[in-house]
Amino acid sequence: QVQLVESGGGLAQAGDSLRLSCAASGRTSSIHDMGWNRQAPGKGREFVARIRSSGGSTYYADSVKGRFTISRDNAKNTVYLQMNSLKPEDTAFYYCYLRVLTTSEDYWGQGTQVTVSS
């Protein structure tokens, strides 16, 4: 089992920056990708960003490309999401996930709220 704990959400104004963190614990020795999805009020969960196990490849939703940066520290089993130039439409619950590549198992955190006011 893998446990994921997010932190760093909160209130921000348009144009501000926030950094989310997600620490993984448990059986994290496997090769795994990590990433972030989000869910805005009344909407489905959507992909935000993903980073490969080695940290060498990153992927972003078009809506956040150029503003958000995903990174990871494998020594700390932690993934980060640096969010710059925040917009009100970034308001959502942000969920961290970990995908074990050998088994395609997905693990999810409890989420952290990000609210951006105009």
N, C-alpha and C. Protein backbone atom coordinates (compact mmCIF):
# COMPACT_ATOMS: atom_id res chain seq x y z
N GLN A 1 0.83 -1.19 0.00
CA GLN A 1 0.00 0.00 0.00
C GLN A 1 0.87 1.25 0.00
N VAL A 2 0.31 2.28 -0.59
CA VAL A 2 0.98 3.57 -0.66
C VAL A 2 0.05 4.62 -0.08
N GLN A 3 0.59 5.50 0.72
CA GLN A 3 -0.17 6.63 1.26
C GLN A 3 0.39 7.92 0.69
N LEU A 4 -0.50 8.80 0.31
CA LEU A 4 -0.12 10.10 -0.25
C LEU A 4 -0.76 11.20 0.58
N VAL A 5 0.03 12.19 0.94
CA VAL A 5 -0.47 13.31 1.73
C VAL A 5 -0.10 14.61 1.03
N GLU A 6 -1.13 15.37 0.64
CA GLU A 6 -0.89 16.65 -0.02
C GLU A 6 -0.84 17.78 1.00
N SER A 7 -0.17 18.84 0.62
CA SER A 7 -0.15 20.06 1.43
C SER A 7 0.14 21.24 0.52
N GLY A 8 -0.12 22.43 1.04
CA GLY A 8 0.24 23.63 0.31
C GLY A 8 -0.91 24.37 -0.33
N GLY A 9 -2.11 23.82 -0.27
CA GLY A 9 -3.25 24.53 -0.84
C GLY A 9 -3.63 25.71 0.02
N GLY A 10 -4.61 26.46 -0.47
CA GLY A 10 -5.08 27.60 0.30
C GLY A 10 -5.72 28.64 -0.58
N LEU A 11 -5.77 29.86 -0.06
CA LEU A 11 -6.39 30.98 -0.77
C LEU A 11 -5.32 31.79 -1.46
N ALA A 12 -5.63 32.26 -2.66
CA ALA A 12 -4.70 33.09 -3.41
C ALA A 12 -5.50 34.08 -4.25
N GLN A 13 -4.85 35.11 -4.66
CA GLN A 13 -5.47 36.06 -5.59
C GLN A 13 -4.93 35.79 -6.99
N ALA A 14 -5.69 36.21 -7.97
CA ALA A 14 -5.26 36.05 -9.35
C ALA A 14 -3.87 36.65 -9.53
N GLY A 15 -3.00 35.88 -10.18
CA GLY A 15 -1.64 36.32 -10.40
C GLY A 15 -0.65 35.83 -9.36
N ASP A 16 -1.16 35.34 -8.25
CA ASP A 16 -0.30 34.83 -7.18
C ASP A 16 0.27 33.46 -7.54
N SER A 17 1.13 32.97 -6.66
CA SER A 17 1.72 31.65 -6.81
C SER A 17 1.45 30.81 -5.57
N LEU A 18 1.33 29.52 -5.78
CA LEU A 18 1.24 28.55 -4.69
C LEU A 18 2.07 27.33 -5.09
N ARG A 19 2.57 26.62 -4.09
CA ARG A 19 3.26 25.38 -4.36
C ARG A 19 2.63 24.26 -3.56
N LEU A 20 2.21 23.23 -4.27
CA LEU A 20 1.64 22.05 -3.65
C LEU A 20 2.73 20.99 -3.49
N SER A 21 2.62 20.25 -2.42
CA SER A 21 3.54 19.13 -2.18
C SER A 21 2.73 17.86 -1.94
N CYS A 22 3.29 16.75 -2.29
CA CYS A 22 2.64 15.47 -2.05
C CYS A 22 3.72 14.46 -1.65
N ALA A 23 3.63 14.00 -0.41
CA ALA A 23 4.61 13.06 0.11
C ALA A 23 4.04 11.65 0.08
N ALA A 24 4.80 10.74 -0.49
CA ALA A 24 4.38 9.34 -0.57
C ALA A 24 5.10 8.53 0.50
N SER A 25 4.39 7.58 1.08
CA SER A 25 4.98 6.67 2.06
C SER A 25 4.40 5.28 1.84
N GLY A 26 5.03 4.32 2.46
CA GLY A 26 4.60 2.94 2.28
C GLY A 26 5.45 2.25 1.24
N ARG A 27 4.84 1.47 0.38
CA ARG A 27 5.57 0.69 -0.61
C ARG A 27 5.90 1.55 -1.83
N THR A 28 6.87 2.44 -1.65
CA THR A 28 7.22 3.38 -2.72
C THR A 28 8.48 2.97 -3.45
N SER A 29 8.94 1.75 -3.23
CA SER A 29 10.19 1.35 -3.87
C SER A 29 10.00 1.01 -5.33
N SER A 30 8.77 0.85 -5.76
CA SER A 30 8.52 0.49 -7.15
C SER A 30 8.73 1.68 -8.07
N ILE A 31 8.89 1.38 -9.34
CA ILE A 31 8.99 2.45 -10.33
C ILE A 31 7.59 3.02 -10.54
N HIS A 32 7.46 4.32 -10.42
CA HIS A 32 6.13 4.89 -10.51
C HIS A 32 6.16 6.32 -11.04
N ASP A 33 5.15 6.65 -11.78
CA ASP A 33 4.91 8.03 -12.17
C ASP A 33 4.10 8.70 -11.06
N MET A 34 4.19 10.01 -11.00
CA MET A 34 3.37 10.77 -10.07
C MET A 34 2.76 11.95 -10.79
N GLY A 35 1.69 12.45 -10.27
CA GLY A 35 1.06 13.58 -10.95
C GLY A 35 -0.03 14.21 -10.13
N TRP A 36 -0.71 15.14 -10.78
CA TRP A 36 -1.79 15.89 -10.14
C TRP A 36 -3.00 15.94 -11.07
N ASN A 37 -4.16 15.75 -10.50
CA ASN A 37 -5.43 16.02 -11.16
C ASN A 37 -6.15 17.05 -10.30
N ARG A 38 -7.21 17.59 -10.83
CA ARG A 38 -8.01 18.53 -10.05
C ARG A 38 -9.48 18.39 -10.40
N GLN A 39 -10.29 18.85 -9.47
CA GLN A 39 -11.73 18.80 -9.68
C GLN A 39 -12.34 20.10 -9.18
N ALA A 40 -12.91 20.85 -10.11
CA ALA A 40 -13.57 22.10 -9.77
C ALA A 40 -15.01 21.82 -9.37
N PRO A 41 -15.64 22.73 -8.65
CA PRO A 41 -17.03 22.53 -8.23
C PRO A 41 -17.95 22.27 -9.42
N GLY A 42 -18.70 21.18 -9.36
CA GLY A 42 -19.65 20.87 -10.41
C GLY A 42 -19.06 20.28 -11.67
N LYS A 43 -17.77 19.98 -11.63
CA LYS A 43 -17.10 19.43 -12.82
C LYS A 43 -16.43 18.10 -12.49
N GLY A 44 -16.05 17.38 -13.53
CA GLY A 44 -15.35 16.13 -13.34
C GLY A 44 -13.88 16.35 -13.06
N ARG A 45 -13.21 15.30 -12.63
CA ARG A 45 -11.79 15.40 -12.35
C ARG A 45 -11.03 15.49 -13.67
N GLU A 46 -10.04 16.38 -13.72
CA GLU A 46 -9.27 16.55 -14.94
C GLU A 46 -7.78 16.46 -14.67
N PHE A 47 -7.06 16.02 -15.66
CA PHE A 47 -5.61 15.90 -15.59
C PHE A 47 -4.99 17.29 -15.52
N VAL A 48 -3.94 17.41 -14.70
CA VAL A 48 -3.20 18.68 -14.61
C VAL A 48 -1.76 18.48 -15.08
N ALA A 49 -1.06 17.55 -14.45
CA ALA A 49 0.35 17.37 -14.78
C ALA A 49 0.81 15.99 -14.33
N ARG A 50 1.86 15.50 -15.00
CA ARG A 50 2.42 14.19 -14.65
C ARG A 50 3.92 14.24 -14.85
N ILE A 51 4.63 13.49 -14.04
CA ILE A 51 6.07 13.41 -14.17
C ILE A 51 6.48 11.94 -14.11
N ARG A 52 7.37 11.56 -15.01
CA ARG A 52 7.80 10.18 -15.09
C ARG A 52 8.68 9.81 -13.90
N SER A 53 8.89 8.53 -13.72
CA SER A 53 9.63 8.02 -12.57
C SER A 53 11.01 8.65 -12.43
N SER A 54 11.70 8.79 -13.54
CA SER A 54 13.04 9.35 -13.50
C SER A 54 13.05 10.86 -13.33
N GLY A 55 11.89 11.47 -13.55
CA GLY A 55 11.80 12.92 -13.49
C GLY A 55 12.21 13.58 -14.79
N GLY A 56 12.55 12.78 -15.79
CA GLY A 56 13.05 13.35 -17.02
C GLY A 56 11.97 13.84 -17.97
N SER A 57 10.77 13.34 -17.84
CA SER A 57 9.68 13.74 -18.74
C SER A 57 8.51 14.26 -17.94
N THR A 58 7.94 15.34 -18.42
CA THR A 58 6.78 15.94 -17.77
C THR A 58 5.70 16.20 -18.80
N TYR A 59 4.46 16.21 -18.35
CA TYR A 59 3.32 16.41 -19.23
C TYR A 59 2.34 17.35 -18.52
N TYR A 60 1.71 18.22 -19.29
CA TYR A 60 0.81 19.21 -18.72
C TYR A 60 -0.47 19.32 -19.53
N ALA A 61 -1.53 19.67 -18.83
CA ALA A 61 -2.76 20.04 -19.51
C ALA A 61 -2.52 21.38 -20.20
N ASP A 62 -3.17 21.60 -21.32
CA ASP A 62 -2.99 22.85 -22.06
C ASP A 62 -3.35 24.05 -21.19
N SER A 63 -4.32 23.88 -20.31
CA SER A 63 -4.81 25.00 -19.50
C SER A 63 -3.78 25.50 -18.49
N VAL A 64 -2.77 24.69 -18.18
CA VAL A 64 -1.78 25.09 -17.18
C VAL A 64 -0.38 25.20 -17.76
N LYS A 65 -0.21 24.80 -18.99
CA LYS A 65 1.11 24.81 -19.61
C LYS A 65 1.69 26.21 -19.60
N GLY A 66 2.95 26.31 -19.18
CA GLY A 66 3.60 27.62 -19.11
C GLY A 66 3.40 28.33 -17.79
N ARG A 67 2.45 27.85 -16.98
CA ARG A 67 2.20 28.49 -15.67
C ARG A 67 2.53 27.54 -14.51
N PHE A 68 2.30 26.27 -14.70
CA PHE A 68 2.56 25.27 -13.66
C PHE A 68 3.79 24.47 -14.00
N THR A 69 4.51 24.06 -12.97
CA THR A 69 5.69 23.21 -13.14
C THR A 69 5.64 22.07 -12.15
N ILE A 70 5.74 20.86 -12.66
CA ILE A 70 5.77 19.69 -11.78
C ILE A 70 7.21 19.22 -11.64
N SER A 71 7.55 18.80 -10.43
CA SER A 71 8.89 18.29 -10.18
C SER A 71 8.79 17.23 -9.08
N ARG A 72 9.88 16.50 -8.91
CA ARG A 72 9.85 15.47 -7.87
C ARG A 72 11.22 15.32 -7.25
N ASP A 73 11.22 14.90 -6.00
CA ASP A 73 12.44 14.58 -5.27
C ASP A 73 12.32 13.12 -4.86
N ASN A 74 12.96 12.24 -5.60
CA ASN A 74 12.81 10.81 -5.33
C ASN A 74 13.41 10.41 -3.99
N ALA A 75 14.40 11.14 -3.53
CA ALA A 75 14.99 10.83 -2.23
C ALA A 75 13.97 11.06 -1.10
N LYS A 76 13.05 11.99 -1.34
CA LYS A 76 12.03 12.30 -0.33
C LYS A 76 10.67 11.71 -0.71
N ASN A 77 10.62 11.01 -1.84
CA ASN A 77 9.33 10.45 -2.31
C ASN A 77 8.26 11.53 -2.37
N THR A 78 8.63 12.68 -2.88
CA THR A 78 7.72 13.83 -2.89
C THR A 78 7.62 14.42 -4.29
N VAL A 79 6.42 14.80 -4.65
CA VAL A 79 6.19 15.49 -5.91
C VAL A 79 5.65 16.88 -5.59
N TYR A 80 6.03 17.84 -6.40
CA TYR A 80 5.63 19.23 -6.19
C TYR A 80 4.89 19.76 -7.41
N LEU A 81 4.03 20.72 -7.17
CA LEU A 81 3.38 21.44 -8.27
C LEU A 81 3.50 22.92 -7.98
N GLN A 82 4.39 23.58 -8.70
CA GLN A 82 4.55 25.02 -8.57
C GLN A 82 3.54 25.68 -9.49
N MET A 83 2.65 26.47 -8.93
CA MET A 83 1.58 27.10 -9.69
C MET A 83 1.80 28.60 -9.68
N ASN A 84 2.10 29.15 -10.83
CA ASN A 84 2.31 30.59 -10.98
C ASN A 84 1.18 31.20 -11.80
N SER A 85 1.07 32.50 -11.72
CA SER A 85 0.05 33.23 -12.49
C SER A 85 -1.32 32.58 -12.34
N LEU A 86 -1.69 32.34 -11.12
CA LEU A 86 -2.96 31.65 -10.86
C LEU A 86 -4.14 32.45 -11.38
N LYS A 87 -5.14 31.71 -11.84
CA LYS A 87 -6.37 32.30 -12.36
C LYS A 87 -7.56 31.78 -11.54
N PRO A 88 -8.65 32.52 -11.52
CA PRO A 88 -9.83 32.01 -10.79
C PRO A 88 -10.28 30.64 -11.28
N GLU A 89 -10.08 30.35 -12.55
CA GLU A 89 -10.47 29.04 -13.08
C GLU A 89 -9.58 27.90 -12.61
N ASP A 90 -8.50 28.23 -11.91
CA ASP A 90 -7.67 27.19 -11.29
C ASP A 90 -8.26 26.73 -9.96
N THR A 91 -9.31 27.39 -9.50
CA THR A 91 -9.95 26.99 -8.26
C THR A 91 -10.47 25.56 -8.37
N ALA A 92 -10.01 24.71 -7.47
CA ALA A 92 -10.38 23.28 -7.52
C ALA A 92 -9.77 22.57 -6.33
N PHE A 93 -10.22 21.33 -6.17
CA PHE A 93 -9.54 20.43 -5.24
C PHE A 93 -8.47 19.73 -6.05
N TYR A 94 -7.24 19.77 -5.56
CA TYR A 94 -6.12 19.18 -6.27
C TYR A 94 -5.73 17.86 -5.61
N TYR A 95 -5.66 16.83 -6.45
CA TYR A 95 -5.37 15.49 -5.96
C TYR A 95 -4.04 15.01 -6.53
N CYS A 96 -3.23 14.49 -5.66
CA CYS A 96 -1.97 13.88 -6.05
C CYS A 96 -2.24 12.40 -6.34
N TYR A 97 -1.52 11.84 -7.32
CA TYR A 97 -1.63 10.41 -7.55
C TYR A 97 -0.27 9.81 -7.85
N LEU A 98 -0.22 8.52 -7.63
CA LEU A 98 0.99 7.74 -7.92
C LEU A 98 0.55 6.52 -8.70
N ARG A 99 1.22 6.24 -9.81
CA ARG A 99 0.90 5.07 -10.63
C ARG A 99 2.08 4.14 -10.63
N VAL A 100 1.86 2.93 -10.15
CA VAL A 100 2.91 1.91 -10.19
C VAL A 100 2.96 1.36 -11.61
N LEU A 101 4.07 1.51 -12.26
CA LEU A 101 4.14 1.18 -13.69
C LEU A 101 4.06 -0.32 -13.96
N THR A 102 4.56 -1.13 -13.06
CA THR A 102 4.56 -2.58 -13.31
C THR A 102 3.18 -3.20 -13.15
N THR A 103 2.31 -2.57 -12.38
CA THR A 103 0.99 -3.15 -12.12
C THR A 103 -0.16 -2.24 -12.56
N SER A 104 0.15 -1.02 -12.96
CA SER A 104 -0.86 -0.02 -13.32
C SER A 104 -1.80 0.32 -12.17
N GLU A 105 -1.37 0.06 -10.94
CA GLU A 105 -2.16 0.47 -9.78
C GLU A 105 -2.02 1.97 -9.58
N ASP A 106 -3.14 2.59 -9.24
CA ASP A 106 -3.14 4.02 -8.94
C ASP A 106 -3.47 4.24 -7.46
N TYR A 107 -2.77 5.15 -6.86
CA TYR A 107 -3.05 5.57 -5.49
C TYR A 107 -3.31 7.07 -5.49
N TRP A 108 -4.25 7.48 -4.65
CA TRP A 108 -4.65 8.89 -4.63
C TRP A 108 -4.54 9.46 -3.22
N GLY A 109 -4.22 10.74 -3.17
CA GLY A 109 -4.25 11.44 -1.90
C GLY A 109 -5.65 11.94 -1.61
N GLN A 110 -5.81 12.58 -0.44
CA GLN A 110 -7.11 13.08 -0.03
C GLN A 110 -7.46 14.39 -0.70
N GLY A 111 -6.49 15.06 -1.25
CA GLY A 111 -6.74 16.31 -1.94
C GLY A 111 -6.48 17.53 -1.09
N THR A 112 -6.22 18.63 -1.75
CA THR A 112 -6.03 19.90 -1.07
C THR A 112 -6.73 20.99 -1.88
N GLN A 113 -7.41 21.88 -1.18
CA GLN A 113 -8.22 22.89 -1.85
C GLN A 113 -7.36 24.09 -2.24
N VAL A 114 -7.55 24.52 -3.47
CA VAL A 114 -6.93 25.76 -3.96
C VAL A 114 -8.07 26.67 -4.41
N THR A 115 -8.10 27.87 -3.85
CA THR A 115 -9.12 28.85 -4.21
C THR A 115 -8.44 30.13 -4.66
N VAL A 116 -8.77 30.55 -5.87
CA VAL A 116 -8.16 31.75 -6.44
C VAL A 116 -9.26 32.79 -6.66
N SER A 117 -9.10 33.94 -6.06
CA SER A 117 -10.08 35.00 -6.22
C SER A 117 -9.58 36.02 -7.24
N SER A 118 -10.52 36.67 -7.88
CA SER A 118 -10.16 37.65 -8.91
C SER A 118 -9.92 39.02 -8.32
